[in-house]
Amino acid sequence: METRYSNNLRSLLLSVLFLMVPVIILGLWIYVFETNSFASQVEKVKIYQSYFPVFMQSNFILSLIVLVSSFDCYRLCCNKHQEGICKL
C-alpha cells in the first residue's frame, strides 16, 4: 500500500511540474503584454522573447515545449487509469 501511495504521489508531482511549464509561459505572456501596454505589438513580442534563452526564442520551439510538456502530463495521468477513458 505504501508503494502504491508513493507512486501515485510521484506521478501527481511530475504531472503538476509538467503542467506548470505551459502555465508559466502563458503567465509570462500575459505579464509582458499587461505591463507594456504602450509598446507596439512587435516590441511586446521582442520583450517577451528576451525572457528566454536564445534557443527558445522561436515561436515554434516554445509551442513544441508546451505541447510536449502537456502531453507528458496527460500520459502520466492516464498511465494510472489504463482501463479508463484516457487509454493511449
Protein backbone atom coordinates (compact mmCIF):
# COMPACT_ATOMS: atom_id res chain seq x y z
CA MET A 1 0.00 0.00 0.00
CA GLU A 2 2.84 2.37 0.86
CA THR A 3 4.50 1.82 -2.54
CA ARG A 4 1.27 2.45 -4.43
CA TYR A 5 0.73 5.68 -2.49
CA SER A 6 4.27 6.90 -3.14
CA ASN A 7 3.97 6.03 -6.86
CA ASN A 8 0.72 7.97 -7.10
CA LEU A 9 2.26 10.91 -5.27
CA ARG A 10 5.31 10.87 -7.55
CA SER A 11 3.08 10.80 -10.64
CA LEU A 12 0.99 13.64 -9.27
CA LEU A 13 4.05 15.79 -8.56
CA LEU A 14 5.51 15.11 -12.02
CA SER A 15 2.16 15.92 -13.64
CA VAL A 16 1.95 19.21 -11.77
CA LEU A 17 5.53 20.01 -12.76
CA PHE A 18 4.87 19.28 -16.43
CA LEU A 19 1.65 21.27 -16.33
CA MET A 20 3.36 24.29 -14.74
CA VAL A 21 5.58 24.81 -17.81
CA PRO A 22 2.76 25.94 -20.15
CA VAL A 23 1.08 27.86 -17.33
CA ILE A 24 4.25 29.82 -16.58
CA ILE A 25 4.86 30.56 -20.27
CA LEU A 26 1.28 31.80 -20.65
CA GLY A 27 1.57 33.83 -17.45
CA LEU A 28 4.75 35.45 -18.74
CA TRP A 29 2.96 36.32 -22.00
CA ILE A 30 0.13 38.00 -20.09
CA TYR A 31 2.55 39.79 -17.76
CA VAL A 32 4.60 41.26 -20.62
CA PHE A 33 1.53 42.42 -22.52
CA GLU A 34 -0.09 43.97 -19.45
CA THR A 35 2.99 45.79 -18.19
CA ASN A 36 3.96 47.22 -21.59
CA SER A 37 0.59 48.48 -22.72
CA PHE A 38 2.02 51.47 -24.62
CA ALA A 39 4.53 49.42 -26.63
CA SER A 40 3.73 48.19 -30.12
CA GLN A 41 2.96 44.53 -30.79
CA VAL A 42 6.43 43.93 -32.25
CA GLU A 43 8.11 45.49 -29.20
CA LYS A 44 5.98 43.38 -26.85
CA VAL A 45 6.97 40.19 -28.66
CA LYS A 46 10.65 41.18 -28.50
CA ILE A 47 10.37 41.85 -24.76
CA TYR A 48 8.58 38.51 -24.28
CA GLN A 49 11.24 36.62 -26.21
CA SER A 50 14.02 38.35 -24.28
CA TYR A 51 13.00 36.38 -21.17
CA PHE A 52 14.01 33.11 -22.84
CA PRO A 53 17.43 31.75 -23.81
CA VAL A 54 18.43 32.10 -27.46
CA PHE A 55 17.44 28.57 -28.43
CA MET A 56 13.91 29.12 -27.05
CA GLN A 57 13.18 32.44 -28.74
CA SER A 58 11.42 30.82 -31.68
CA ASN A 59 7.63 30.55 -31.53
CA PHE A 60 7.88 27.02 -32.94
CA ILE A 61 10.23 25.86 -30.17
CA LEU A 62 8.05 27.38 -27.44
CA SER A 63 4.96 25.74 -28.91
CA LEU A 64 6.79 22.42 -29.09
CA ILE A 65 7.89 22.69 -25.45
CA VAL A 66 4.31 23.42 -24.34
CA LEU A 67 2.96 20.55 -26.44
CA VAL A 68 5.50 18.03 -25.14
CA SER A 69 5.05 19.17 -21.55
CA SER A 70 1.26 18.92 -21.80
CA PHE A 71 1.44 15.51 -23.46
CA ASP A 72 3.79 14.21 -20.75
CA CYS A 73 1.36 15.40 -18.10
CA TYR A 74 -1.53 13.69 -19.91
CA ARG A 75 0.48 10.48 -20.35
CA LEU A 76 1.45 10.37 -16.67
CA CYS A 77 -2.15 10.82 -15.56
CA CYS A 78 -3.52 8.26 -17.99
CA ASN A 79 -0.99 5.56 -17.20
CA LYS A 80 -2.60 5.32 -13.78
CA HIS A 81 -6.06 4.77 -15.30
CA GLN A 82 -5.40 2.49 -18.29
CA GLU A 83 -8.82 0.90 -18.13
CA GLY A 84 -10.49 4.30 -18.05
CA ILE A 85 -11.30 6.91 -20.67
CA CYS A 86 -7.73 8.05 -21.38
CA LYS A 87 -6.37 4.87 -22.90
CA LEU A 88 -3.38 5.60 -25.17
